Amino acid sequence: MSYPWTAWPDWAVQALSSLVILGGTLLIARLLILIFTGLLGRWARQTRTELDDRLLTALRGPLYALVWLGGIYLVLARLSVAFGLGSAALAYLGDGAFSLAVLLGGYLSLRVIAALLEGLTSASEKLPSDFLFALRKVVAVFVWTIFLTILLSHFGIDINALIATLGVSSLAIALAFQDTIANMIAGFLLMADRPFRVGDLVKLSSGETGRVLDIGIRRTKLLTPDYAVLIVPNLDLSKSRTVNYSYPEPRTRLRFLLTVPQEQAAELQALEHSLRGWLSQIAPVRSDPPPLIALSACREAQLDLRLDLWIDDYAQRESVSEQILRALKRRLDEQQLSFALKAQG
C-alpha cells in the first residue's frame, strides 16, 4: 500500500512532518495547561496550604516554554535537513536549544525554590520577609553558578581552572572582608532566630535602650529615648545579651518601696486592703495580674513594704511611675502617715 506523500519531494515531506510536530507541540502544551489549571489546580485548591498553589504557578510557565522549545528544535532540525544546511547547522541548533534549555532549567529551579521559601515563610511567623529576600539572593547565586557551569562544560570550556581561580579569589575576599561577612552571617541568624522584631523595645548589654527601627543584613538600627539613631553591628548583637521588653508581650512591672514607722503598723494594715483596690483603679495599672503589696522587711523601728504594679508598655515606664508616685503620696498624706516612698527599677 502506497501513501500519497511517498511521491513527494523530500523537502515537502519534511515540511509536512514539521507541521505535524508543531501541531503535536501545541496539543501537548494545551494539555499541560489543562492539567495544571484543571486537575492539579482543583486538587491544590482543596488543600489547606498554599504551598502546592505556589508550586503549580512556578512550574506552569517554564514547563510550557520547555515543551515549545523541544517542538521548535525538532522542526528546525528537520527543515535544516530538508534544505541541506548540513551537520554544522544542526550542531548550532543543538547548541542553541541546549543553552535555552539550561537557562529555562535555572529559571524553573529558582521559581520552585522561591515558591518553597515563600510557603515556608507564610507557614512560620519566625521567618521575616527580609530574611526571605536575602536568602533568595544567595540561593540565586548558587543556582546560576551550577547551571552556568553545566553550560560551559557543554561547550568544552575547561572550568577546573575557573573554579580554582574562583576559590582563591573567594578566600582572598573572605579574608579582606571577614568582619563584613561575619556581620552578614550574624544578620541572617538574627532574621531567622528573631530575638527581636522591628518595633520591639530592647536593652543592649552596653546599657543603651531603644526601639528597633530596622534589622539589616550588616547592621541593626535602634531609636533611643532621646530620638537618636543607634547603629549596632549584627555581630555585636549576636554575641551579647539583649533584653527584649516587647516580646512575648509588652507589659512590664513597676516596683515601689514604702517605708513606715513601726508605731503606725496598725494604720498601715488597715490601709493595705483599700490600697489594693485603689491602685487597680488607676488607668495605666493593669488589673491582671492585680497589684501586690507585700512586707519585704521588718526592722526595729520601721516596716518595709513592696508594691508591685503592672502596666501595658515598658516605654511608658517613667511617665507612669511618676504619675503613680504622686498619686500614692497624695493617698498616704490623706491617711496622715509618715512614710518614705521610692520607685525601684
C-alpha atoms as a PDB file:
ATOM      1  CA  MET A   1       0.000   0.000   0.000  1.00  0.00           C
ATOM      2  CA  SER A   2       1.446   3.339  -1.034  1.00  0.00           C
ATOM      3  CA  TYR A   3       0.678   6.706   0.559  1.00  0.00           C
ATOM      4  CA  PRO A   4       0.318   9.911  -1.457  1.00  0.00           C
ATOM      5  CA  TRP A   5       3.256  11.642   0.266  1.00  0.00           C
ATOM      6  CA  THR A   6       5.672   8.876  -0.739  1.00  0.00           C
ATOM      7  CA  ALA A   7       5.924  10.503  -4.163  1.00  0.00           C
ATOM      8  CA  TRP A   8       6.519  13.966  -2.695  1.00  0.00           C
ATOM      9  CA  PRO A   9       9.967  15.553  -2.709  1.00  0.00           C
ATOM     10  CA  ASP A  10      11.969  15.296   0.485  1.00  0.00           C
ATOM     11  CA  TRP A  11      11.565  18.937   1.414  1.00  0.00           C
ATOM     12  CA  ALA A  12       7.772  18.628   1.189  1.00  0.00           C
ATOM     13  CA  VAL A  13       7.760  15.533   3.427  1.00  0.00           C
ATOM     14  CA  GLN A  14       9.969  17.335   5.963  1.00  0.00           C
ATOM     15  CA  ALA A  15       7.714  20.379   5.836  1.00  0.00           C
ATOM     16  CA  LEU A  16       4.631  18.211   6.446  1.00  0.00           C
ATOM     17  CA  SER A  17       6.309  16.412   9.352  1.00  0.00           C
ATOM     18  CA  SER A  18       7.286  19.809  10.762  1.00  0.00           C
ATOM     19  CA  LEU A  19       3.657  20.899  10.698  1.00  0.00           C
ATOM     20  CA  VAL A  20       2.685  17.656  12.427  1.00  0.00           C
ATOM     21  CA  ILE A  21       5.340  18.286  15.100  1.00  0.00           C
ATOM     22  CA  LEU A  22       4.089  21.837  15.630  1.00  0.00           C
ATOM     23  CA  GLY A  23       0.548  20.536  15.956  1.00  0.00           C
ATOM     24  CA  GLY A  24       1.669  17.902  18.440  1.00  0.00           C
ATOM     25  CA  THR A  25       3.620  20.508  20.380  1.00  0.00           C
ATOM     26  CA  LEU A  26       0.570  22.749  20.547  1.00  0.00           C
ATOM     27  CA  LEU A  27      -1.558  19.809  21.690  1.00  0.00           C
ATOM     28  CA  ILE A  28       0.916  18.808  24.420  1.00  0.00           C
ATOM     29  CA  ALA A  29       1.250  22.432  25.578  1.00  0.00           C
ATOM     30  CA  ARG A  30      -2.533  22.854  25.775  1.00  0.00           C
ATOM     31  CA  LEU A  31      -2.843  19.533  27.574  1.00  0.00           C
ATOM     32  CA  LEU A  32      -0.203  20.682  30.043  1.00  0.00           C
ATOM     33  CA  ILE A  33      -2.133  23.877  30.720  1.00  0.00           C
ATOM     34  CA  LEU A  34      -5.360  21.929  31.204  1.00  0.00           C
ATOM     35  CA  ILE A  35      -3.667  19.582  33.662  1.00  0.00           C
ATOM     36  CA  PHE A  36      -2.186  22.451  35.688  1.00  0.00           C
ATOM     37  CA  THR A  37      -5.277  24.664  35.689  1.00  0.00           C
ATOM     38  CA  GLY A  38      -7.820  21.869  35.822  1.00  0.00           C
ATOM     39  CA  LEU A  39      -6.931  18.638  37.588  1.00  0.00           C
ATOM     40  CA  LEU A  40      -3.961  19.805  39.644  1.00  0.00           C
ATOM     41  CA  GLY A  41      -5.498  23.245  40.184  1.00  0.00           C
ATOM     42  CA  ARG A  42      -8.681  21.806  41.705  1.00  0.00           C
ATOM     43  CA  TRP A  43      -6.620  19.476  43.891  1.00  0.00           C
ATOM     44  CA  ALA A  44      -4.434  22.351  45.108  1.00  0.00           C
ATOM     45  CA  ARG A  45      -7.449  24.498  45.968  1.00  0.00           C
ATOM     46  CA  GLN A  46      -8.823  21.727  48.176  1.00  0.00           C
ATOM     47  CA  THR A  47      -5.708  21.525  50.335  1.00  0.00           C
ATOM     48  CA  ARG A  48      -5.205  23.658  53.427  1.00  0.00           C
ATOM     49  CA  THR A  49      -1.781  25.023  52.475  1.00  0.00           C
ATOM     50  CA  GLU A  50      -0.798  27.485  49.763  1.00  0.00           C
ATOM     51  CA  LEU A  51       2.481  25.710  49.008  1.00  0.00           C
ATOM     52  CA  ASP A  52       1.029  23.487  46.282  1.00  0.00           C
ATOM     53  CA  ASP A  53      -0.641  26.512  44.627  1.00  0.00           C
ATOM     54  CA  ARG A  54       2.689  28.331  44.618  1.00  0.00           C
ATOM     55  CA  LEU A  55       4.475  25.305  43.141  1.00  0.00           C
ATOM     56  CA  LEU A  56       1.923  24.911  40.355  1.00  0.00           C
ATOM     57  CA  THR A  57       2.235  28.592  39.464  1.00  0.00           C
ATOM     58  CA  ALA A  58       6.026  28.315  39.476  1.00  0.00           C
ATOM     59  CA  LEU A  59       6.111  25.187  37.282  1.00  0.00           C
ATOM     60  CA  ARG A  60       3.465  26.058  34.715  1.00  0.00           C
ATOM     61  CA  GLY A  61       5.218  28.796  32.716  1.00  0.00           C
ATOM     62  CA  PRO A  62       8.726  27.244  32.429  1.00  0.00           C
ATOM     63  CA  LEU A  63       7.363  23.769  31.572  1.00  0.00           C
ATOM     64  CA  TYR A  64       5.154  25.293  28.899  1.00  0.00           C
ATOM     65  CA  ALA A  65       8.206  27.055  27.444  1.00  0.00           C
ATOM     66  CA  LEU A  66      10.273  23.838  27.569  1.00  0.00           C
ATOM     67  CA  VAL A  67       7.614  21.964  25.568  1.00  0.00           C
ATOM     68  CA  TRP A  68       7.620  24.643  22.866  1.00  0.00           C
ATOM     69  CA  LEU A  69      11.414  24.716  22.850  1.00  0.00           C
ATOM     70  CA  GLY A  70      11.548  20.972  22.189  1.00  0.00           C
ATOM     71  CA  GLY A  71       8.972  21.207  19.418  1.00  0.00           C
ATOM     72  CA  ILE A  72      10.640  24.158  17.701  1.00  0.00           C
ATOM     73  CA  TYR A  73      14.029  22.440  17.899  1.00  0.00           C
ATOM     74  CA  LEU A  74      12.658  19.320  16.173  1.00  0.00           C
ATOM     75  CA  VAL A  75      11.041  21.431  13.474  1.00  0.00           C
ATOM     76  CA  LEU A  76      14.200  23.434  12.763  1.00  0.00           C
ATOM     77  CA  ALA A  77      16.292  20.256  12.732  1.00  0.00           C
ATOM     78  CA  ARG A  78      14.007  18.680  10.112  1.00  0.00           C
ATOM     79  CA  LEU A  79      13.927  21.828   7.984  1.00  0.00           C
ATOM     80  CA  SER A  80      17.712  22.123   8.075  1.00  0.00           C
ATOM     81  CA  VAL A  81      17.941  18.563   6.739  1.00  0.00           C
ATOM     82  CA  ALA A  82      15.296  19.226   4.123  1.00  0.00           C
ATOM     83  CA  PHE A  83      17.073  22.291   2.783  1.00  0.00           C
ATOM     84  CA  GLY A  84      20.506  20.687   3.005  1.00  0.00           C
ATOM     85  CA  LEU A  85      22.033  23.024   5.530  1.00  0.00           C
ATOM     86  CA  GLY A  86      24.368  20.263   6.747  1.00  0.00           C
ATOM     87  CA  SER A  87      25.594  18.986  10.058  1.00  0.00           C
ATOM     88  CA  ALA A  88      27.035  22.360  11.090  1.00  0.00           C
ATOM     89  CA  ALA A  89      23.575  23.920  11.152  1.00  0.00           C
ATOM     90  CA  LEU A  90      22.266  21.005  13.191  1.00  0.00           C
ATOM     91  CA  ALA A  91      25.134  21.457  15.657  1.00  0.00           C
ATOM     92  CA  TYR A  92      24.352  25.162  16.032  1.00  0.00           C
ATOM     93  CA  LEU A  93      20.678  24.388  16.521  1.00  0.00           C
ATOM     94  CA  GLY A  94      21.504  21.752  19.121  1.00  0.00           C
ATOM     95  CA  ASP A  95      23.813  24.099  21.000  1.00  0.00           C
ATOM     96  CA  GLY A  96      21.238  26.864  20.923  1.00  0.00           C
ATOM     97  CA  ALA A  97      18.461  24.585  22.108  1.00  0.00           C
ATOM     98  CA  PHE A  98      20.664  23.183  24.873  1.00  0.00           C
ATOM     99  CA  SER A  99      21.602  26.696  26.025  1.00  0.00           C
ATOM    100  CA  LEU A 100      17.976  27.783  26.157  1.00  0.00           C
ATOM    101  CA  ALA A 101      17.025  24.567  27.979  1.00  0.00           C
ATOM    102  CA  VAL A 102      19.738  25.164  30.599  1.00  0.00           C
ATOM    103  CA  LEU A 103      18.597  28.758  31.115  1.00  0.00           C
ATOM    104  CA  LEU A 104      14.986  27.632  31.408  1.00  0.00           C
ATOM    105  CA  GLY A 105      16.071  24.921  33.849  1.00  0.00           C
ATOM    106  CA  GLY A 106      17.825  27.505  36.020  1.00  0.00           C
ATOM    107  CA  TYR A 107      14.798  29.788  35.868  1.00  0.00           C
ATOM    108  CA  LEU A 108      12.495  26.885  36.724  1.00  0.00           C
ATOM    109  CA  SER A 109      14.686  25.887  39.688  1.00  0.00           C
ATOM    110  CA  LEU A 110      14.658  29.427  41.045  1.00  0.00           C
ATOM    111  CA  ARG A 111      10.870  29.668  40.760  1.00  0.00           C
ATOM    112  CA  VAL A 112      10.406  26.353  42.585  1.00  0.00           C
ATOM    113  CA  ILE A 113      12.859  27.324  45.336  1.00  0.00           C
ATOM    114  CA  ALA A 114      11.196  30.739  45.681  1.00  0.00           C
ATOM    115  CA  ALA A 115       7.788  29.076  45.997  1.00  0.00           C
ATOM    116  CA  LEU A 116       9.134  26.714  48.670  1.00  0.00           C
ATOM    117  CA  LEU A 117      10.709  29.582  50.621  1.00  0.00           C
ATOM    118  CA  GLU A 118       7.542  31.686  50.416  1.00  0.00           C
ATOM    119  CA  GLY A 119       5.471  28.725  51.582  1.00  0.00           C
ATOM    120  CA  LEU A 120       7.859  28.134  54.464  1.00  0.00           C
ATOM    121  CA  THR A 121       7.751  31.810  55.436  1.00  0.00           C
ATOM    122  CA  SER A 122       3.948  32.027  55.314  1.00  0.00           C
ATOM    123  CA  ALA A 123       3.683  28.875  57.432  1.00  0.00           C
ATOM    124  CA  SER A 124       6.096  30.177  60.082  1.00  0.00           C
ATOM    125  CA  GLU A 125       5.899  33.594  61.728  1.00  0.00           C
ATOM    126  CA  LYS A 126       9.543  33.257  62.763  1.00  0.00           C
ATOM    127  CA  LEU A 127      10.866  33.917  59.259  1.00  0.00           C
ATOM    128  CA  PRO A 128      10.532  37.579  58.236  1.00  0.00           C
ATOM    129  CA  SER A 129      10.265  38.803  54.644  1.00  0.00           C
ATOM    130  CA  ASP A 130      13.711  40.448  54.865  1.00  0.00           C
ATOM    131  CA  PHE A 131      15.284  37.094  55.606  1.00  0.00           C
ATOM    132  CA  LEU A 132      13.416  35.528  52.675  1.00  0.00           C
ATOM    133  CA  PHE A 133      14.629  38.250  50.300  1.00  0.00           C
ATOM    134  CA  ALA A 134      18.265  37.871  51.372  1.00  0.00           C
ATOM    135  CA  LEU A 135      18.103  34.074  51.235  1.00  0.00           C
ATOM    136  CA  ARG A 136      16.631  34.137  47.733  1.00  0.00           C
ATOM    137  CA  LYS A 137      19.537  36.281  46.537  1.00  0.00           C
ATOM    138  CA  VAL A 138      22.083  33.841  47.967  1.00  0.00           C
ATOM    139  CA  VAL A 139      20.268  30.834  46.514  1.00  0.00           C
ATOM    140  CA  ALA A 140      20.047  32.544  43.107  1.00  0.00           C
ATOM    141  CA  VAL A 141      23.826  32.962  43.011  1.00  0.00           C
ATOM    142  CA  PHE A 142      24.388  29.261  43.769  1.00  0.00           C
ATOM    143  CA  VAL A 143      21.743  28.054  41.293  1.00  0.00           C
ATOM    144  CA  TRP A 144      23.014  30.172  38.383  1.00  0.00           C
ATOM    145  CA  THR A 145      26.593  29.165  39.165  1.00  0.00           C
ATOM    146  CA  ILE A 146      25.619  25.483  38.851  1.00  0.00           C
ATOM    147  CA  PHE A 147      23.705  25.929  35.581  1.00  0.00           C
ATOM    148  CA  LEU A 148      26.358  28.164  34.029  1.00  0.00           C
ATOM    149  CA  THR A 149      28.930  25.503  34.920  1.00  0.00           C
ATOM    150  CA  ILE A 150      26.806  22.941  33.065  1.00  0.00           C
ATOM    151  CA  LEU A 151      26.549  25.265  30.069  1.00  0.00           C
ATOM    152  CA  LEU A 152      30.283  25.937  29.931  1.00  0.00           C
ATOM    153  CA  SER A 153      31.049  22.214  30.219  1.00  0.00           C
ATOM    154  CA  HIS A 154      28.765  21.522  27.235  1.00  0.00           C
ATOM    155  CA  PHE A 155      30.748  23.919  25.056  1.00  0.00           C
ATOM    156  CA  GLY A 156      34.038  22.299  26.071  1.00  0.00           C
ATOM    157  CA  ILE A 157      35.285  25.169  28.206  1.00  0.00           C
ATOM    158  CA  ASP A 158      37.622  23.961  30.947  1.00  0.00           C
ATOM    159  CA  ILE A 159      36.002  25.029  34.200  1.00  0.00           C
ATOM    160  CA  ASN A 160      38.563  23.470  36.547  1.00  0.00           C
ATOM    161  CA  ALA A 161      40.905  26.433  36.241  1.00  0.00           C
ATOM    162  CA  LEU A 162      37.942  28.781  36.587  1.00  0.00           C
ATOM    163  CA  ILE A 163      36.760  27.007  39.752  1.00  0.00           C
ATOM    164  CA  ALA A 164      40.276  27.114  41.205  1.00  0.00           C
ATOM    165  CA  THR A 165      40.528  30.835  40.410  1.00  0.00           C
ATOM    166  CA  LEU A 166      37.138  31.495  41.973  1.00  0.00           C
ATOM    167  CA  GLY A 167      38.172  29.516  45.059  1.00  0.00           C
ATOM    168  CA  VAL A 168      41.367  31.513  45.549  1.00  0.00           C
ATOM    169  CA  SER A 169      39.537  34.772  44.870  1.00  0.00           C
ATOM    170  CA  SER A 170      36.789  33.855  47.328  1.00  0.00           C
ATOM    171  CA  LEU A 171      39.365  33.092  50.016  1.00  0.00           C
ATOM    172  CA  ALA A 172      41.107  36.430  49.441  1.00  0.00           C
ATOM    173  CA  ILE A 173      37.796  38.293  49.541  1.00  0.00           C
ATOM    174  CA  ALA A 174      36.735  36.429  52.690  1.00  0.00           C
ATOM    175  CA  LEU A 175      39.965  37.391  54.463  1.00  0.00           C
ATOM    176  CA  ALA A 176      39.721  41.014  53.343  1.00  0.00           C
ATOM    177  CA  PHE A 177      36.057  41.382  54.328  1.00  0.00           C
ATOM    178  CA  GLN A 178      35.843  38.943  57.211  1.00  0.00           C
ATOM    179  CA  ASP A 179      34.169  41.475  59.534  1.00  0.00           C
ATOM    180  CA  THR A 180      31.602  42.354  56.877  1.00  0.00           C
ATOM    181  CA  ILE A 181      30.913  38.698  56.138  1.00  0.00           C
ATOM    182  CA  ALA A 182      30.653  37.930  59.861  1.00  0.00           C
ATOM    183  CA  ASN A 183      28.102  40.730  60.263  1.00  0.00           C
ATOM    184  CA  MET A 184      26.133  39.443  57.268  1.00  0.00           C
ATOM    185  CA  ILE A 185      26.032  35.906  58.672  1.00  0.00           C
ATOM    186  CA  ALA A 186      25.003  37.318  62.047  1.00  0.00           C
ATOM    187  CA  GLY A 187      22.269  39.275  60.254  1.00  0.00           C
ATOM    188  CA  PHE A 188      20.924  36.073  58.690  1.00  0.00           C
ATOM    189  CA  LEU A 189      20.907  34.415  62.110  1.00  0.00           C
ATOM    190  CA  LEU A 190      19.097  37.373  63.691  1.00  0.00           C
ATOM    191  CA  MET A 191      16.472  37.282  60.940  1.00  0.00           C
ATOM    192  CA  ALA A 192      15.999  33.541  61.401  1.00  0.00           C
ATOM    193  CA  ASP A 193      16.061  33.394  65.223  1.00  0.00           C
ATOM    194  CA  ARG A 194      14.202  36.706  65.671  1.00  0.00           C
ATOM    195  CA  PRO A 195      15.272  37.555  69.246  1.00  0.00           C
ATOM    196  CA  PHE A 196      13.620  40.899  68.500  1.00  0.00           C
ATOM    197  CA  ARG A 197      11.490  42.328  65.732  1.00  0.00           C
ATOM    198  CA  VAL A 198      11.019  45.756  64.171  1.00  0.00           C
ATOM    199  CA  GLY A 199       9.169  47.898  66.715  1.00  0.00           C
ATOM    200  CA  ASP A 200      10.387  45.991  69.796  1.00  0.00           C
ATOM    201  CA  LEU A 201      11.913  47.885  72.696  1.00  0.00           C
ATOM    202  CA  VAL A 202      15.274  46.340  73.630  1.00  0.00           C
ATOM    203  CA  LYS A 203      18.135  46.978  76.033  1.00  0.00           C
ATOM    204  CA  LEU A 204      21.674  46.144  74.945  1.00  0.00           C
ATOM    205  CA  SER A 205      24.379  44.685  77.149  1.00  0.00           C
ATOM    206  CA  SER A 206      26.152  48.053  76.960  1.00  0.00           C
ATOM    207  CA  GLY A 207      23.175  49.705  78.658  1.00  0.00           C
ATOM    208  CA  GLU A 208      21.575  51.530  75.719  1.00  0.00           C
ATOM    209  CA  THR A 209      17.829  51.210  75.291  1.00  0.00           C
ATOM    210  CA  GLY A 210      15.989  51.768  72.051  1.00  0.00           C
ATOM    211  CA  ARG A 211      13.193  50.698  69.770  1.00  0.00           C
ATOM    212  CA  VAL A 212      14.192  48.579  66.759  1.00  0.00           C
ATOM    213  CA  LEU A 213      13.833  50.556  63.528  1.00  0.00           C
ATOM    214  CA  ASP A 214      15.413  48.171  61.042  1.00  0.00           C
ATOM    215  CA  ILE A 215      17.208  44.808  61.018  1.00  0.00           C
ATOM    216  CA  GLY A 216      19.586  44.933  58.087  1.00  0.00           C
ATOM    217  CA  ILE A 217      21.964  42.352  56.706  1.00  0.00           C
ATOM    218  CA  ARG A 218      25.003  44.049  58.295  1.00  0.00           C
ATOM    219  CA  ARG A 219      23.630  46.439  60.921  1.00  0.00           C
ATOM    220  CA  THR A 220      20.596  46.976  63.134  1.00  0.00           C
ATOM    221  CA  LYS A 221      19.205  50.450  63.813  1.00  0.00           C
ATOM    222  CA  LEU A 222      17.673  51.446  67.157  1.00  0.00           C
ATOM    223  CA  LEU A 223      15.776  54.626  68.052  1.00  0.00           C
ATOM    224  CA  THR A 224      16.887  55.732  71.523  1.00  0.00           C
ATOM    225  CA  PRO A 225      14.603  57.575  74.014  1.00  0.00           C
ATOM    226  CA  ASP A 226      16.216  60.906  73.027  1.00  0.00           C
ATOM    227  CA  TYR A 227      15.343  60.184  69.349  1.00  0.00           C
ATOM    228  CA  ALA A 228      18.878  59.447  68.226  1.00  0.00           C
ATOM    229  CA  VAL A 229      19.500  56.531  65.859  1.00  0.00           C
ATOM    230  CA  LEU A 230      21.903  53.959  67.310  1.00  0.00           C
ATOM    231  CA  ILE A 231      23.531  51.720  64.663  1.00  0.00           C
ATOM    232  CA  VAL A 232      24.855  48.416  66.016  1.00  0.00           C
ATOM    233  CA  PRO A 233      26.780  45.767  64.015  1.00  0.00           C
ATOM    234  CA  ASN A 234      24.866  42.490  63.878  1.00  0.00           C
ATOM    235  CA  LEU A 235      27.894  40.537  65.078  1.00  0.00           C
ATOM    236  CA  ASP A 236      27.908  42.509  68.343  1.00  0.00           C
ATOM    237  CA  LEU A 237      24.206  41.788  68.838  1.00  0.00           C
ATOM    238  CA  SER A 238      24.614  38.067  68.195  1.00  0.00           C
ATOM    239  CA  LYS A 239      27.474  37.784  70.728  1.00  0.00           C
ATOM    240  CA  SER A 240      25.936  39.836  73.553  1.00  0.00           C
ATOM    241  CA  ARG A 241      22.936  39.588  75.852  1.00  0.00           C
ATOM    242  CA  THR A 242      19.911  41.605  74.794  1.00  0.00           C
ATOM    243  CA  VAL A 243      16.793  42.245  76.890  1.00  0.00           C
ATOM    244  CA  ASN A 244      13.548  42.442  74.905  1.00  0.00           C
ATOM    245  CA  TYR A 245      10.836  44.414  76.710  1.00  0.00           C
ATOM    246  CA  SER A 246       8.219  43.872  73.979  1.00  0.00           C
ATOM    247  CA  TYR A 247       8.306  40.101  73.447  1.00  0.00           C
ATOM    248  CA  PRO A 248       6.379  37.899  74.071  1.00  0.00           C
ATOM    249  CA  GLU A 249       4.207  40.775  75.378  1.00  0.00           C
ATOM    250  CA  PRO A 250       4.987  44.421  76.119  1.00  0.00           C
ATOM    251  CA  ARG A 251       3.641  44.597  79.679  1.00  0.00           C
ATOM    252  CA  THR A 252       6.137  45.336  82.429  1.00  0.00           C
ATOM    253  CA  ARG A 253       6.293  45.566  86.211  1.00  0.00           C
ATOM    254  CA  LEU A 254       6.739  48.687  88.324  1.00  0.00           C
ATOM    255  CA  ARG A 255       8.040  48.284  91.864  1.00  0.00           C
ATOM    256  CA  PHE A 256       7.785  50.806  94.693  1.00  0.00           C
ATOM    257  CA  LEU A 257       9.318  50.595  98.161  1.00  0.00           C
ATOM    258  CA  LEU A 258       7.303  52.036 101.029  1.00  0.00           C
ATOM    259  CA  THR A 259       8.811  52.534 104.489  1.00  0.00           C
ATOM    260  CA  VAL A 260       6.682  53.466 107.536  1.00  0.00           C
ATOM    261  CA  PRO A 261       7.465  53.672 111.265  1.00  0.00           C
ATOM    262  CA  GLN A 262       6.676  50.670 113.472  1.00  0.00           C
ATOM    263  CA  GLU A 263       4.208  52.694 115.577  1.00  0.00           C
ATOM    264  CA  GLN A 264       1.995  53.163 112.503  1.00  0.00           C
ATOM    265  CA  ALA A 265       1.825  49.449 111.660  1.00  0.00           C
ATOM    266  CA  ALA A 266      -1.819  49.180 112.729  1.00  0.00           C
ATOM    267  CA  GLU A 267      -2.913  52.065 110.476  1.00  0.00           C
ATOM    268  CA  LEU A 268      -0.944  50.595 107.591  1.00  0.00           C
ATOM    269  CA  GLN A 269      -2.519  47.141 107.949  1.00  0.00           C
ATOM    270  CA  ALA A 270      -5.957  48.712 107.770  1.00  0.00           C
ATOM    271  CA  LEU A 271      -4.890  50.660 104.684  1.00  0.00           C
ATOM    272  CA  GLU A 272      -3.472  47.732 102.692  1.00  0.00           C
ATOM    273  CA  HIS A 273      -6.818  46.287 101.554  1.00  0.00           C
ATOM    274  CA  SER A 274      -8.240  49.589 100.384  1.00  0.00           C
ATOM    275  CA  LEU A 275      -4.904  50.482  98.787  1.00  0.00           C
ATOM    276  CA  ARG A 276      -5.005  47.383  96.563  1.00  0.00           C
ATOM    277  CA  GLY A 277      -8.418  48.291  95.196  1.00  0.00           C
ATOM    278  CA  TRP A 278      -7.441  51.926  94.759  1.00  0.00           C
ATOM    279  CA  LEU A 279      -4.281  51.039  92.830  1.00  0.00           C
ATOM    280  CA  SER A 280      -6.296  48.834  90.444  1.00  0.00           C
ATOM    281  CA  GLN A 281      -8.442  51.831  89.507  1.00  0.00           C
ATOM    282  CA  ILE A 282      -5.512  53.928  88.282  1.00  0.00           C
ATOM    283  CA  ALA A 283      -5.795  53.978  84.485  1.00  0.00           C
ATOM    284  CA  PRO A 284      -2.312  52.753  83.452  1.00  0.00           C
ATOM    285  CA  VAL A 285      -2.269  49.951  86.051  1.00  0.00           C
ATOM    286  CA  ARG A 286      -3.401  46.503  84.905  1.00  0.00           C
ATOM    287  CA  SER A 287      -5.910  44.574  86.968  1.00  0.00           C
ATOM    288  CA  ASP A 288      -4.482  41.275  85.698  1.00  0.00           C
ATOM    289  CA  PRO A 289      -2.228  40.458  87.413  1.00  0.00           C
ATOM    290  CA  PRO A 290      -3.544  42.525  90.334  1.00  0.00           C
ATOM    291  CA  PRO A 291      -1.336  44.904  92.314  1.00  0.00           C
ATOM    292  CA  LEU A 292       0.720  43.195  95.010  1.00  0.00           C
ATOM    293  CA  ILE A 293       1.517  44.684  98.422  1.00  0.00           C
ATOM    294  CA  ALA A 294       3.896  42.561 100.484  1.00  0.00           C
ATOM    295  CA  LEU A 295       6.041  43.031 103.553  1.00  0.00           C
ATOM    296  CA  SER A 296       9.666  42.825 102.442  1.00  0.00           C
ATOM    297  CA  ALA A 297      11.493  43.680 105.698  1.00  0.00           C
ATOM    298  CA  CYS A 298      10.623  44.195 109.360  1.00  0.00           C
ATOM    299  CA  ARG A 299      13.132  46.350 111.203  1.00  0.00           C
ATOM    300  CA  GLU A 300      13.283  47.577 114.782  1.00  0.00           C
ATOM    301  CA  ALA A 301      11.941  50.999 114.012  1.00  0.00           C
ATOM    302  CA  GLN A 302      10.329  50.627 110.602  1.00  0.00           C
ATOM    303  CA  LEU A 303       8.464  48.375 108.192  1.00  0.00           C
ATOM    304  CA  ASP A 304       9.456  47.970 104.546  1.00  0.00           C
ATOM    305  CA  LEU A 305       6.717  47.123 102.055  1.00  0.00           C
ATOM    306  CA  ARG A 306       6.978  46.266  98.378  1.00  0.00           C
ATOM    307  CA  LEU A 307       4.324  47.408  95.906  1.00  0.00           C
ATOM    308  CA  ASP A 308       4.325  45.615  92.525  1.00  0.00           C
ATOM    309  CA  LEU A 309       2.167  47.012  89.718  1.00  0.00           C
ATOM    310  CA  TRP A 310       1.879  46.025  86.058  1.00  0.00           C
ATOM    311  CA  ILE A 311       1.457  48.368  83.104  1.00  0.00           C
ATOM    312  CA  ASP A 312       0.918  47.688  79.397  1.00  0.00           C
ATOM    313  CA  ASP A 313       4.070  49.122  77.848  1.00  0.00           C
ATOM    314  CA  TYR A 314       7.655  49.441  79.045  1.00  0.00           C
ATOM    315  CA  ALA A 315       8.039  52.636  77.021  1.00  0.00           C
ATOM    316  CA  GLN A 316       5.558  54.335  79.416  1.00  0.00           C
ATOM    317  CA  ARG A 317       7.538  53.230  82.467  1.00  0.00           C
ATOM    318  CA  GLU A 318       8.954  56.608  83.520  1.00  0.00           C
ATOM    319  CA  SER A 319       5.819  58.687  82.972  1.00  0.00           C
ATOM    320  CA  VAL A 320       3.526  56.147  84.638  1.00  0.00           C
ATOM    321  CA  SER A 321       5.960  55.683  87.533  1.00  0.00           C
ATOM    322  CA  GLU A 322       5.922  59.409  88.235  1.00  0.00           C
ATOM    323  CA  GLN A 323       2.133  59.503  87.996  1.00  0.00           C
ATOM    324  CA  ILE A 324       1.752  56.628  90.450  1.00  0.00           C
ATOM    325  CA  LEU A 325       4.304  58.112  92.866  1.00  0.00           C
ATOM    326  CA  ARG A 326       2.361  61.373  93.005  1.00  0.00           C
ATOM    327  CA  ALA A 327      -0.955  59.534  93.431  1.00  0.00           C
ATOM    328  CA  LEU A 328       0.475  57.319  96.194  1.00  0.00           C
ATOM    329  CA  LYS A 329       1.882  60.334  98.021  1.00  0.00           C
ATOM    330  CA  ARG A 330      -1.492  62.081  97.971  1.00  0.00           C
ATOM    331  CA  ARG A 331      -3.215  58.919  99.189  1.00  0.00           C
ATOM    332  CA  LEU A 332      -0.777  58.375 102.053  1.00  0.00           C
ATOM    333  CA  ASP A 333      -0.889  62.046 103.022  1.00  0.00           C
ATOM    334  CA  GLU A 334      -4.661  61.762 103.335  1.00  0.00           C
ATOM    335  CA  GLN A 335      -4.122  58.928 105.834  1.00  0.00           C
ATOM    336  CA  GLN A 336      -1.670  61.138 107.787  1.00  0.00           C
ATOM    337  CA  LEU A 337       1.070  58.504 107.657  1.00  0.00           C
ATOM    338  CA  SER A 338       4.767  59.203 107.998  1.00  0.00           C
ATOM    339  CA  PHE A 339       6.449  57.389 105.143  1.00  0.00           C
ATOM    340  CA  ALA A 340       9.330  57.173 102.723  1.00  0.00           C
ATOM    341  CA  LEU A 341       8.409  56.164  99.152  1.00  0.00           C
ATOM    342  CA  LYS A 342      10.610  55.497  96.151  1.00  0.00           C
ATOM    343  CA  ALA A 343      10.436  53.681  92.832  1.00  0.00           C
ATOM    344  CA  GLN A 344      12.725  50.720  92.240  1.00  0.00           C
ATOM    345  CA  GLY A 345      13.909  49.525  88.798  1.00  0.00           C
END
